[in-house]
């Protein structure tokens, strides 16, 4: 996953795949989802990204039940 921030437009782009975008869906006026042909998520665009108070990444290892 790649996270890009464009200061000049205050836009964050979260890229999950480099697959070609087939369709864009607006969630609301500030969030847009980019989907590939099969409907899988490619990226998320967030406008007015500085309104997000904090961005944190946490990694969790999968634990197998005993």
C-alpha atoms as a PDB file:
ATOM      1  CA  UNK A   1       0.000   0.000   0.000  1.00  0.00           C
ATOM      2  CA  UNK A   2       1.175   3.518  -0.786  1.00  0.00           C
ATOM      3  CA  UNK A   3      -0.057   6.691   0.883  1.00  0.00           C
ATOM      4  CA  UNK A   4       0.545   9.959  -0.947  1.00  0.00           C
ATOM      5  CA  UNK A   5      -0.275  13.465   0.253  1.00  0.00           C
ATOM      6  CA  UNK A   6      -0.531  16.388  -2.157  1.00  0.00           C
ATOM      7  CA  UNK A   7      -0.082  19.566  -0.127  1.00  0.00           C
ATOM      8  CA  UNK A   8      -1.103  21.943  -2.928  1.00  0.00           C
ATOM      9  CA  UNK A   9      -4.591  20.382  -3.121  1.00  0.00           C
ATOM     10  CA  UNK A  10      -4.760  19.003   0.463  1.00  0.00           C
ATOM     11  CA  UNK A  11      -5.540  15.577  -0.976  1.00  0.00           C
ATOM     12  CA  UNK A  12      -4.529  12.138   0.316  1.00  0.00           C
ATOM     13  CA  UNK A  13      -4.337   9.152  -1.998  1.00  0.00           C
ATOM     14  CA  UNK A  14      -4.266   5.624  -0.570  1.00  0.00           C
ATOM     15  CA  UNK A  15      -3.200   3.165  -3.265  1.00  0.00           C
ATOM     16  CA  UNK A  16      -3.813  -0.535  -2.683  1.00  0.00           C
ATOM     17  CA  UNK A  17      -3.051  -1.791  -6.178  1.00  0.00           C
ATOM     18  CA  UNK A  18      -1.569  -0.601  -9.444  1.00  0.00           C
ATOM     19  CA  UNK A  19      -4.366  -2.215 -11.462  1.00  0.00           C
ATOM     20  CA  UNK A  20      -6.161  -0.016 -14.030  1.00  0.00           C
ATOM     21  CA  UNK A  21      -9.105   1.963 -12.690  1.00  0.00           C
ATOM     22  CA  UNK A  22     -12.387   1.076 -14.380  1.00  0.00           C
ATOM     23  CA  UNK A  23     -14.893   2.983 -12.236  1.00  0.00           C
ATOM     24  CA  UNK A  24     -14.956   5.796  -9.691  1.00  0.00           C
ATOM     25  CA  UNK A  25     -17.580   5.931  -6.936  1.00  0.00           C
ATOM     26  CA  UNK A  26     -18.159   8.959  -4.734  1.00  0.00           C
ATOM     27  CA  UNK A  27     -18.825   8.041  -1.100  1.00  0.00           C
ATOM     28  CA  UNK A  28     -19.471  11.689  -0.271  1.00  0.00           C
ATOM     29  CA  UNK A  29     -18.145  15.066  -1.453  1.00  0.00           C
ATOM     30  CA  UNK A  30     -14.703  14.386   0.075  1.00  0.00           C
ATOM     31  CA  UNK A  31     -14.095  10.665  -0.510  1.00  0.00           C
ATOM     32  CA  UNK A  32     -13.873   8.802  -3.799  1.00  0.00           C
ATOM     33  CA  UNK A  33     -13.266   5.072  -4.372  1.00  0.00           C
ATOM     34  CA  UNK A  34     -11.460   3.823  -7.480  1.00  0.00           C
ATOM     35  CA  UNK A  35     -12.404   0.289  -8.555  1.00  0.00           C
ATOM     36  CA  UNK A  36     -10.950  -2.149 -11.071  1.00  0.00           C
ATOM     37  CA  UNK A  37     -13.075  -4.012 -13.638  1.00  0.00           C
ATOM     38  CA  UNK A  38     -13.948  -6.792 -11.134  1.00  0.00           C
ATOM     39  CA  UNK A  39     -15.102  -4.232  -8.558  1.00  0.00           C
ATOM     40  CA  UNK A  40     -12.026  -4.622  -6.345  1.00  0.00           C
ATOM     41  CA  UNK A  41     -10.724  -1.510  -4.604  1.00  0.00           C
ATOM     42  CA  UNK A  42      -7.675   0.101  -6.254  1.00  0.00           C
ATOM     43  CA  UNK A  43      -7.415   3.383  -4.337  1.00  0.00           C
ATOM     44  CA  UNK A  44      -9.173   5.909  -2.130  1.00  0.00           C
ATOM     45  CA  UNK A  45      -8.944   9.675  -2.611  1.00  0.00           C
ATOM     46  CA  UNK A  46      -9.606  11.923   0.396  1.00  0.00           C
ATOM     47  CA  UNK A  47     -10.097  15.652  -0.143  1.00  0.00           C
ATOM     48  CA  UNK A  48      -9.420  18.141   2.698  1.00  0.00           C
ATOM     49  CA  UNK A  49      -7.060  15.571   4.186  1.00  0.00           C
ATOM     50  CA  UNK A  50      -5.687  17.893   6.885  1.00  0.00           C
ATOM     51  CA  UNK A  51      -9.035  17.565   8.654  1.00  0.00           C
ATOM     52  CA  UNK A  52      -7.871  14.083   9.623  1.00  0.00           C
ATOM     53  CA  UNK A  53      -6.417  14.566  13.079  1.00  0.00           C
ATOM     54  CA  UNK A  54      -3.952  11.682  12.931  1.00  0.00           C
ATOM     55  CA  UNK A  55      -2.892   8.906  10.628  1.00  0.00           C
ATOM     56  CA  UNK A  56      -1.460   5.791  12.259  1.00  0.00           C
ATOM     57  CA  UNK A  57      -0.470   2.465  10.774  1.00  0.00           C
ATOM     58  CA  UNK A  58      -0.609  -0.637  12.918  1.00  0.00           C
ATOM     59  CA  UNK A  59       0.448  -4.100  11.848  1.00  0.00           C
ATOM     60  CA  UNK A  60      -1.112  -7.146  13.440  1.00  0.00           C
ATOM     61  CA  UNK A  61       0.322 -10.603  12.982  1.00  0.00           C
ATOM     62  CA  UNK A  62      -2.249 -13.278  12.473  1.00  0.00           C
ATOM     63  CA  UNK A  63      -2.409 -15.593  15.437  1.00  0.00           C
ATOM     64  CA  UNK A  64      -3.472 -19.185  15.015  1.00  0.00           C
ATOM     65  CA  UNK A  65      -5.780 -20.539  17.692  1.00  0.00           C
ATOM     66  CA  UNK A  66      -4.173 -23.325  19.790  1.00  0.00           C
END
